[in-house]
N, C-alpha and C. Protein backbone atom coordinates (compact mmCIF):
# COMPACT_ATOMS: atom_id res chain seq x y z
N MET A 1 0.85 -1.17 0.00
CA MET A 1 0.00 0.00 0.00
C MET A 1 0.89 1.22 0.00
N MET A 2 0.65 2.12 -0.89
CA MET A 2 1.45 3.33 -0.96
C MET A 2 0.62 4.47 -0.43
N LEU A 3 1.14 5.19 0.54
CA LEU A 3 0.46 6.32 1.11
C LEU A 3 0.84 7.55 0.32
N MET A 4 -0.15 8.21 -0.21
CA MET A 4 0.12 9.40 -1.01
C MET A 4 -0.28 10.63 -0.21
N THR A 5 0.54 11.63 -0.27
CA THR A 5 0.20 12.89 0.37
C THR A 5 -0.03 13.91 -0.71
N ARG A 6 -0.91 14.80 -0.43
CA ARG A 6 -1.19 15.83 -1.42
C ARG A 6 -0.55 17.13 -0.99
N GLU A 7 -0.15 17.87 -1.95
CA GLU A 7 0.49 19.14 -1.67
C GLU A 7 -0.58 20.22 -1.69
N ARG A 8 -0.60 21.02 -0.69
CA ARG A 8 -1.60 22.09 -0.60
C ARG A 8 -1.05 23.36 -1.24
N ARG A 9 -1.88 23.97 -2.04
CA ARG A 9 -1.54 25.26 -2.61
C ARG A 9 -2.28 26.32 -1.81
N PRO A 10 -1.64 27.41 -1.54
CA PRO A 10 -2.33 28.44 -0.77
C PRO A 10 -3.52 28.99 -1.54
N LEU A 11 -4.64 29.06 -0.87
CA LEU A 11 -5.84 29.63 -1.46
C LEU A 11 -6.05 31.01 -0.86
N ARG A 12 -6.64 31.86 -1.63
CA ARG A 12 -6.89 33.22 -1.14
C ARG A 12 -8.34 33.32 -0.67
N ARG A 13 -8.68 32.47 0.26
CA ARG A 13 -10.02 32.51 0.81
C ARG A 13 -10.01 33.36 2.07
N THR A 14 -11.13 33.91 2.37
CA THR A 14 -11.25 34.71 3.59
C THR A 14 -12.43 34.18 4.39
N GLY A 15 -12.49 34.58 5.62
CA GLY A 15 -13.62 34.25 6.46
C GLY A 15 -13.66 32.79 6.86
N LEU A 16 -14.87 32.25 6.87
CA LEU A 16 -15.11 30.90 7.36
C LEU A 16 -14.39 29.83 6.52
N MET A 17 -14.35 29.96 5.20
CA MET A 17 -13.69 28.95 4.36
C MET A 17 -12.19 28.90 4.63
N SER A 18 -11.56 30.02 4.90
CA SER A 18 -10.12 29.99 5.19
C SER A 18 -9.86 29.25 6.50
N GLU A 19 -10.77 29.38 7.46
CA GLU A 19 -10.62 28.65 8.72
C GLU A 19 -10.77 27.14 8.50
N PHE A 20 -11.71 26.73 7.64
CA PHE A 20 -11.86 25.31 7.32
C PHE A 20 -10.59 24.77 6.66
N ASP A 21 -10.01 25.54 5.75
CA ASP A 21 -8.77 25.12 5.09
C ASP A 21 -7.65 24.97 6.11
N ARG A 22 -7.55 25.92 7.03
CA ARG A 22 -6.51 25.86 8.06
C ARG A 22 -6.68 24.62 8.94
N ILE A 23 -7.91 24.35 9.35
CA ILE A 23 -8.19 23.17 10.18
C ILE A 23 -7.88 21.89 9.40
N HIS A 24 -8.28 21.86 8.13
CA HIS A 24 -8.02 20.69 7.29
C HIS A 24 -6.52 20.42 7.18
N ASN A 25 -5.74 21.46 6.98
CA ASN A 25 -4.28 21.32 6.91
C ASN A 25 -3.70 20.83 8.23
N LEU A 26 -4.20 21.35 9.34
CA LEU A 26 -3.72 20.92 10.65
C LEU A 26 -4.04 19.44 10.90
N VAL A 27 -5.24 19.01 10.53
CA VAL A 27 -5.61 17.61 10.71
C VAL A 27 -4.73 16.72 9.84
N ASP A 28 -4.47 17.12 8.58
CA ASP A 28 -3.58 16.35 7.71
C ASP A 28 -2.19 16.22 8.33
N GLU A 29 -1.65 17.31 8.83
CA GLU A 29 -0.32 17.27 9.45
C GLU A 29 -0.31 16.37 10.67
N LEU A 30 -1.35 16.48 11.50
CA LEU A 30 -1.44 15.66 12.70
C LEU A 30 -1.52 14.18 12.35
N MET A 31 -2.35 13.82 11.37
CA MET A 31 -2.47 12.42 10.97
C MET A 31 -1.15 11.89 10.43
N ASN A 32 -0.43 12.69 9.65
CA ASN A 32 0.86 12.26 9.13
C ASN A 32 1.88 12.10 10.25
N GLU A 33 1.84 13.00 11.25
CA GLU A 33 2.80 12.90 12.35
C GLU A 33 2.48 11.72 13.26
N VAL A 34 1.20 11.51 13.52
CA VAL A 34 0.81 10.43 14.44
C VAL A 34 0.93 9.07 13.78
N PHE A 35 0.39 8.92 12.58
CA PHE A 35 0.35 7.62 11.94
C PHE A 35 1.45 7.44 10.90
N GLY A 36 1.80 8.49 10.20
CA GLY A 36 2.87 8.43 9.22
C GLY A 36 2.67 7.33 8.20
N SER A 37 3.67 7.13 7.37
CA SER A 37 3.59 6.08 6.37
C SER A 37 4.17 4.77 6.88
N TRP A 38 4.71 4.78 8.10
CA TRP A 38 5.33 3.56 8.63
C TRP A 38 4.35 2.72 9.42
N VAL A 39 3.27 3.31 9.84
CA VAL A 39 2.31 2.55 10.62
C VAL A 39 1.13 2.19 9.72
N THR A 40 1.35 1.20 8.87
CA THR A 40 0.31 0.76 7.95
C THR A 40 0.17 -0.75 8.02
N PRO A 41 -0.28 -1.27 9.17
CA PRO A 41 -0.37 -2.72 9.28
C PRO A 41 -1.46 -3.28 8.37
N SER A 42 -1.23 -4.47 7.86
CA SER A 42 -2.23 -5.12 7.03
C SER A 42 -3.14 -5.96 7.91
N LEU A 43 -4.16 -6.54 7.31
CA LEU A 43 -5.10 -7.36 8.07
C LEU A 43 -4.46 -8.63 8.59
N THR A 44 -3.36 -9.07 8.00
CA THR A 44 -2.72 -10.31 8.44
C THR A 44 -1.59 -10.05 9.43
N THR A 45 -1.48 -8.85 9.93
CA THR A 45 -0.40 -8.49 10.84
C THR A 45 -0.94 -8.38 12.26
N THR A 46 -0.20 -8.92 13.21
CA THR A 46 -0.59 -8.76 14.60
C THR A 46 0.62 -8.36 15.42
N THR A 47 0.37 -7.78 16.56
CA THR A 47 1.43 -7.52 17.53
C THR A 47 1.03 -8.22 18.81
N THR A 48 2.00 -8.61 19.59
CA THR A 48 1.67 -9.31 20.83
C THR A 48 1.27 -8.29 21.88
N PRO A 49 0.45 -8.70 22.86
CA PRO A 49 0.02 -7.77 23.89
C PRO A 49 1.18 -7.21 24.71
N THR A 50 2.28 -7.96 24.82
CA THR A 50 3.40 -7.50 25.65
C THR A 50 4.35 -6.60 24.89
N GLN A 51 4.19 -6.50 23.59
CA GLN A 51 5.08 -5.66 22.79
C GLN A 51 4.29 -4.56 22.11
N THR A 52 4.77 -3.35 22.23
CA THR A 52 4.20 -2.23 21.52
C THR A 52 5.26 -1.72 20.58
N PRO A 53 5.18 -2.08 19.30
CA PRO A 53 6.23 -1.66 18.38
C PRO A 53 6.20 -0.16 18.16
N ALA A 54 7.39 0.40 17.97
CA ALA A 54 7.49 1.82 17.67
C ALA A 54 7.09 2.07 16.22
N TRP A 55 7.30 1.07 15.37
CA TRP A 55 6.95 1.21 13.95
C TRP A 55 6.78 -0.16 13.33
N LEU A 56 6.14 -0.20 12.20
CA LEU A 56 5.92 -1.44 11.46
C LEU A 56 6.51 -1.28 10.07
N PRO A 57 7.43 -2.15 9.69
CA PRO A 57 8.02 -2.03 8.35
C PRO A 57 7.01 -2.41 7.27
N TYR A 58 7.19 -1.80 6.09
CA TYR A 58 6.38 -2.16 4.93
C TYR A 58 6.67 -3.60 4.55
N VAL A 59 5.67 -4.27 3.99
CA VAL A 59 5.80 -5.67 3.59
C VAL A 59 5.21 -5.88 2.20
N ASN A 60 5.91 -6.64 1.38
CA ASN A 60 5.39 -7.15 0.11
C ASN A 60 5.37 -8.66 0.22
N MET A 61 4.31 -9.30 -0.28
CA MET A 61 4.24 -10.76 -0.25
C MET A 61 3.61 -11.23 -1.56
N TRP A 62 4.28 -12.21 -2.21
CA TRP A 62 3.74 -12.75 -3.45
C TRP A 62 4.22 -14.19 -3.63
N GLN A 63 3.52 -14.90 -4.50
CA GLN A 63 3.91 -16.27 -4.84
C GLN A 63 4.51 -16.25 -6.23
N SER A 64 5.68 -16.88 -6.36
CA SER A 64 6.36 -16.99 -7.64
C SER A 64 6.65 -18.47 -7.87
N GLY A 65 5.93 -19.07 -8.80
CA GLY A 65 6.09 -20.50 -9.03
C GLY A 65 5.66 -21.27 -7.80
N ASN A 66 6.59 -22.06 -7.23
CA ASN A 66 6.30 -22.86 -6.05
C ASN A 66 6.84 -22.22 -4.78
N GLU A 67 7.18 -20.93 -4.82
CA GLU A 67 7.76 -20.27 -3.65
C GLU A 67 6.91 -19.08 -3.21
N LEU A 68 6.91 -18.85 -1.92
CA LEU A 68 6.30 -17.65 -1.35
C LEU A 68 7.44 -16.70 -1.02
N VAL A 69 7.35 -15.47 -1.51
CA VAL A 69 8.38 -14.47 -1.27
C VAL A 69 7.78 -13.36 -0.42
N VAL A 70 8.49 -13.02 0.66
CA VAL A 70 8.07 -11.93 1.54
C VAL A 70 9.24 -10.97 1.66
N GLU A 71 8.99 -9.69 1.40
CA GLU A 71 10.03 -8.67 1.54
C GLU A 71 9.62 -7.68 2.62
N PHE A 72 10.58 -7.32 3.46
CA PHE A 72 10.38 -6.32 4.49
C PHE A 72 11.29 -5.14 4.19
N TYR A 73 10.76 -3.94 4.26
CA TYR A 73 11.54 -2.73 4.03
C TYR A 73 12.07 -2.25 5.37
N LEU A 74 13.40 -2.36 5.56
CA LEU A 74 14.04 -2.08 6.84
C LEU A 74 15.21 -1.11 6.69
N PRO A 75 14.99 0.10 6.21
CA PRO A 75 16.11 1.03 6.04
C PRO A 75 16.72 1.42 7.38
N GLY A 76 18.05 1.41 7.43
CA GLY A 76 18.75 1.82 8.64
C GLY A 76 18.83 0.78 9.73
N VAL A 77 18.26 -0.40 9.51
CA VAL A 77 18.27 -1.45 10.53
C VAL A 77 19.50 -2.32 10.32
N PRO A 78 20.36 -2.45 11.35
CA PRO A 78 21.51 -3.35 11.22
C PRO A 78 21.05 -4.81 11.13
N LYS A 79 21.71 -5.58 10.27
CA LYS A 79 21.33 -6.98 10.05
C LYS A 79 21.34 -7.78 11.36
N ASP A 80 22.33 -7.52 12.21
CA ASP A 80 22.44 -8.31 13.44
C ASP A 80 21.36 -7.97 14.48
N SER A 81 20.54 -6.96 14.23
CA SER A 81 19.45 -6.66 15.16
C SER A 81 18.10 -7.19 14.68
N ILE A 82 18.12 -7.96 13.59
CA ILE A 82 16.88 -8.52 13.03
C ILE A 82 16.75 -9.98 13.46
N GLU A 83 15.56 -10.36 13.91
CA GLU A 83 15.29 -11.76 14.23
C GLU A 83 14.09 -12.21 13.41
N LEU A 84 14.25 -13.36 12.76
CA LEU A 84 13.21 -13.91 11.89
C LEU A 84 12.93 -15.34 12.32
N ASN A 85 11.67 -15.64 12.59
CA ASN A 85 11.25 -16.99 12.96
C ASN A 85 10.09 -17.41 12.07
N VAL A 86 10.10 -18.68 11.69
CA VAL A 86 9.06 -19.20 10.79
C VAL A 86 8.52 -20.50 11.37
N THR A 87 7.19 -20.61 11.40
CA THR A 87 6.53 -21.88 11.67
C THR A 87 5.83 -22.28 10.37
N GLU A 88 5.09 -23.34 10.42
CA GLU A 88 4.39 -23.82 9.23
C GLU A 88 3.44 -22.76 8.66
N ASP A 89 2.82 -21.98 9.53
CA ASP A 89 1.81 -21.04 9.05
C ASP A 89 2.03 -19.59 9.46
N THR A 90 3.18 -19.30 10.11
CA THR A 90 3.41 -17.96 10.63
C THR A 90 4.84 -17.51 10.39
N LEU A 91 4.99 -16.24 10.06
CA LEU A 91 6.30 -15.62 9.93
C LEU A 91 6.35 -14.48 10.95
N THR A 92 7.39 -14.46 11.78
CA THR A 92 7.53 -13.43 12.80
C THR A 92 8.85 -12.71 12.62
N LEU A 93 8.78 -11.39 12.54
CA LEU A 93 9.96 -10.55 12.38
C LEU A 93 9.99 -9.55 13.52
N SER A 94 11.17 -9.40 14.13
CA SER A 94 11.32 -8.39 15.18
C SER A 94 12.73 -7.84 15.12
N GLY A 95 12.93 -6.72 15.77
CA GLY A 95 14.25 -6.11 15.80
C GLY A 95 14.19 -4.69 16.30
N LYS A 96 15.28 -3.99 16.07
CA LYS A 96 15.38 -2.61 16.56
C LYS A 96 16.19 -1.78 15.58
N CYS A 97 15.72 -0.58 15.34
CA CYS A 97 16.44 0.38 14.48
C CYS A 97 16.93 1.52 15.38
N PRO A 98 18.25 1.70 15.47
CA PRO A 98 18.77 2.76 16.34
C PRO A 98 18.57 4.14 15.73
N THR A 99 18.60 5.14 16.59
CA THR A 99 18.58 6.51 16.09
C THR A 99 19.97 6.87 15.60
N PRO A 100 20.10 7.75 14.63
CA PRO A 100 21.42 8.07 14.10
C PRO A 100 22.32 8.80 15.08
N TRP A 101 21.75 9.40 16.11
CA TRP A 101 22.56 10.16 17.06
C TRP A 101 22.95 9.35 18.29
N GLY A 102 22.57 8.08 18.34
CA GLY A 102 22.99 7.22 19.45
C GLY A 102 22.45 7.70 20.79
N ASN A 103 23.35 7.82 21.77
CA ASN A 103 22.94 8.23 23.12
C ASN A 103 22.97 9.74 23.31
N ASN A 104 23.41 10.48 22.32
CA ASN A 104 23.42 11.94 22.41
C ASN A 104 21.99 12.47 22.38
N THR A 105 21.81 13.69 22.84
CA THR A 105 20.49 14.32 22.82
C THR A 105 20.57 15.59 21.99
N PRO A 106 20.37 15.47 20.69
CA PRO A 106 20.47 16.65 19.83
C PRO A 106 19.18 17.46 19.86
N THR A 107 19.23 18.64 19.31
CA THR A 107 18.02 19.42 19.06
C THR A 107 17.46 18.93 17.73
N ILE A 108 16.28 18.35 17.78
CA ILE A 108 15.69 17.76 16.58
C ILE A 108 14.64 18.72 16.03
N TYR A 109 14.75 19.06 14.78
CA TYR A 109 13.78 19.93 14.13
C TYR A 109 12.75 19.12 13.34
N ARG A 110 13.17 18.01 12.82
CA ARG A 110 12.25 17.10 12.12
C ARG A 110 12.92 15.74 12.04
N TYR A 111 12.19 14.69 12.38
CA TYR A 111 12.73 13.34 12.31
C TYR A 111 11.62 12.40 11.92
N GLU A 112 11.63 11.95 10.67
CA GLU A 112 10.57 11.10 10.15
C GLU A 112 11.01 9.67 9.89
N PHE A 113 12.31 9.41 9.98
CA PHE A 113 12.80 8.05 9.75
C PHE A 113 12.32 7.15 10.89
N PRO A 114 12.04 5.89 10.59
CA PRO A 114 11.62 4.99 11.66
C PRO A 114 12.78 4.66 12.59
N HIS A 115 12.46 4.47 13.86
CA HIS A 115 13.47 4.04 14.83
C HIS A 115 12.76 3.35 15.98
N GLY A 116 13.52 2.62 16.76
CA GLY A 116 12.95 1.89 17.88
C GLY A 116 12.65 0.45 17.50
N GLU A 117 11.92 -0.21 18.36
CA GLU A 117 11.63 -1.63 18.16
C GLU A 117 10.50 -1.83 17.15
N PHE A 118 10.57 -2.94 16.44
CA PHE A 118 9.48 -3.32 15.55
C PHE A 118 9.18 -4.79 15.75
N TYR A 119 7.95 -5.17 15.44
CA TYR A 119 7.50 -6.55 15.59
C TYR A 119 6.35 -6.77 14.62
N ARG A 120 6.47 -7.78 13.79
CA ARG A 120 5.37 -8.15 12.89
C ARG A 120 5.23 -9.66 12.89
N GLN A 121 4.01 -10.10 13.02
CA GLN A 121 3.72 -11.52 12.94
C GLN A 121 2.64 -11.68 11.88
N MET A 122 2.95 -12.45 10.85
CA MET A 122 2.04 -12.58 9.72
C MET A 122 1.61 -14.02 9.54
N THR A 123 0.32 -14.22 9.32
CA THR A 123 -0.19 -15.53 8.97
C THR A 123 0.08 -15.74 7.48
N LEU A 124 0.72 -16.85 7.16
CA LEU A 124 1.07 -17.13 5.77
C LEU A 124 -0.14 -17.67 5.02
N PRO A 125 -0.23 -17.44 3.71
CA PRO A 125 -1.40 -17.87 2.95
C PRO A 125 -1.50 -19.39 2.77
N PHE A 126 -0.39 -20.12 2.99
CA PHE A 126 -0.41 -21.57 2.93
C PHE A 126 0.73 -22.10 3.80
N SER A 127 0.69 -23.40 4.11
CA SER A 127 1.71 -24.02 4.96
C SER A 127 3.05 -24.06 4.25
N VAL A 128 4.12 -23.78 5.02
CA VAL A 128 5.47 -23.81 4.47
C VAL A 128 6.35 -24.73 5.31
N ASN A 129 7.47 -25.14 4.75
CA ASN A 129 8.45 -25.94 5.47
C ASN A 129 9.38 -24.98 6.20
N PRO A 130 9.33 -24.92 7.54
CA PRO A 130 10.17 -23.97 8.28
C PRO A 130 11.67 -24.24 8.15
N GLU A 131 12.04 -25.43 7.70
CA GLU A 131 13.46 -25.74 7.55
C GLU A 131 13.97 -25.44 6.15
N LYS A 132 13.08 -25.07 5.25
CA LYS A 132 13.49 -24.72 3.88
C LYS A 132 13.14 -23.26 3.62
N VAL A 133 13.80 -22.40 4.38
CA VAL A 133 13.58 -20.96 4.28
C VAL A 133 14.93 -20.30 4.03
N SER A 134 14.96 -19.36 3.12
CA SER A 134 16.18 -18.58 2.93
C SER A 134 15.84 -17.11 3.14
N ALA A 135 16.81 -16.36 3.64
CA ALA A 135 16.62 -14.93 3.89
C ALA A 135 17.88 -14.19 3.50
N LYS A 136 17.70 -13.10 2.78
CA LYS A 136 18.84 -12.28 2.36
C LYS A 136 18.51 -10.82 2.65
N PHE A 137 19.46 -10.12 3.27
CA PHE A 137 19.28 -8.71 3.62
C PHE A 137 20.23 -7.88 2.77
N GLU A 138 19.66 -7.04 1.92
CA GLU A 138 20.49 -6.24 1.02
C GLU A 138 19.81 -4.89 0.77
N ASN A 139 20.59 -3.82 0.91
CA ASN A 139 20.11 -2.46 0.65
C ASN A 139 18.84 -2.12 1.43
N GLY A 140 18.78 -2.55 2.68
CA GLY A 140 17.64 -2.23 3.53
C GLY A 140 16.39 -3.04 3.27
N VAL A 141 16.49 -4.09 2.44
CA VAL A 141 15.34 -4.94 2.15
C VAL A 141 15.68 -6.37 2.55
N LEU A 142 14.85 -6.96 3.41
CA LEU A 142 15.00 -8.36 3.79
C LEU A 142 14.06 -9.18 2.92
N ARG A 143 14.63 -10.07 2.12
CA ARG A 143 13.82 -10.94 1.25
C ARG A 143 13.84 -12.35 1.83
N VAL A 144 12.65 -12.86 2.13
CA VAL A 144 12.49 -14.19 2.70
C VAL A 144 11.79 -15.06 1.66
N THR A 145 12.38 -16.21 1.35
CA THR A 145 11.80 -17.13 0.38
C THR A 145 11.42 -18.42 1.10
N LEU A 146 10.15 -18.82 0.97
CA LEU A 146 9.61 -19.98 1.69
C LEU A 146 9.07 -21.00 0.69
N THR A 147 9.15 -22.27 1.07
CA THR A 147 8.69 -23.37 0.22
C THR A 147 7.48 -24.03 0.87
N PRO A 148 6.40 -24.25 0.12
CA PRO A 148 5.21 -24.88 0.70
C PRO A 148 5.44 -26.35 1.03
N ILE A 149 4.74 -26.81 2.07
CA ILE A 149 4.79 -28.22 2.46
C ILE A 149 3.64 -28.49 3.42
N SER A 150 3.28 -29.74 3.56
CA SER A 150 2.29 -30.15 4.55
C SER A 150 3.00 -31.04 5.55
N SER A 151 3.21 -30.54 6.77
CA SER A 151 3.87 -31.32 7.82
C SER A 151 3.44 -30.77 9.17
N THR A 152 3.98 -31.35 10.24
CA THR A 152 3.66 -30.87 11.57
C THR A 152 4.31 -29.51 11.80
N SER A 153 3.67 -28.72 12.62
CA SER A 153 4.13 -27.36 12.86
C SER A 153 5.32 -27.32 13.81
N LYS A 154 6.42 -26.73 13.37
CA LYS A 154 7.58 -26.52 14.22
C LYS A 154 8.10 -25.11 13.96
N SER A 155 8.84 -24.61 14.90
CA SER A 155 9.45 -23.30 14.72
C SER A 155 10.91 -23.49 14.34
N HIS A 156 11.41 -22.59 13.54
CA HIS A 156 12.79 -22.68 13.09
C HIS A 156 13.35 -21.27 12.98
N LYS A 157 14.46 -21.01 13.66
CA LYS A 157 15.12 -19.71 13.58
C LYS A 157 15.90 -19.65 12.28
N VAL A 158 15.75 -18.57 11.53
CA VAL A 158 16.35 -18.43 10.21
C VAL A 158 17.56 -17.52 10.29
N GLN A 159 18.68 -17.95 9.73
CA GLN A 159 19.89 -17.14 9.64
C GLN A 159 19.75 -16.20 8.45
N ILE A 160 20.13 -14.95 8.62
CA ILE A 160 20.04 -13.95 7.57
C ILE A 160 21.42 -13.72 7.00
N SER A 161 21.54 -13.80 5.67
CA SER A 161 22.86 -13.61 5.05
C SER A 161 22.97 -12.22 4.47
């Protein structure tokens, strides 16, 4: 899902209509600041009651031939802070994206990049073999390739290359 924002052109309205325009612009800004483009969970995404993620990465999922491919958009996230677990019917991704300033406390004028902890658990569209999963992290995109199978449900921790 792509979130599109519209650019407002100044209108030369006066009176009541100018106030409506001002309120509309304020609501748009508030919605973008509160929800942003990073908090767009799909219907198949859940978070656990004990975890409140700071942000949710974008996800693409498609079937190509006999494989299910899932991509997560994780800009700025170090590979070693990503954890990926797969069961027969569920894919779980968690991790943390640090702030660029570390432990320092700078004066921030605008900061829209995602940071903090993330957690996504997705129900897969069909059963997969948790032991036949590959994952590659390149240019801020984690690509997970899964193979369908019918077997007993087990969890398997996936190494990311």
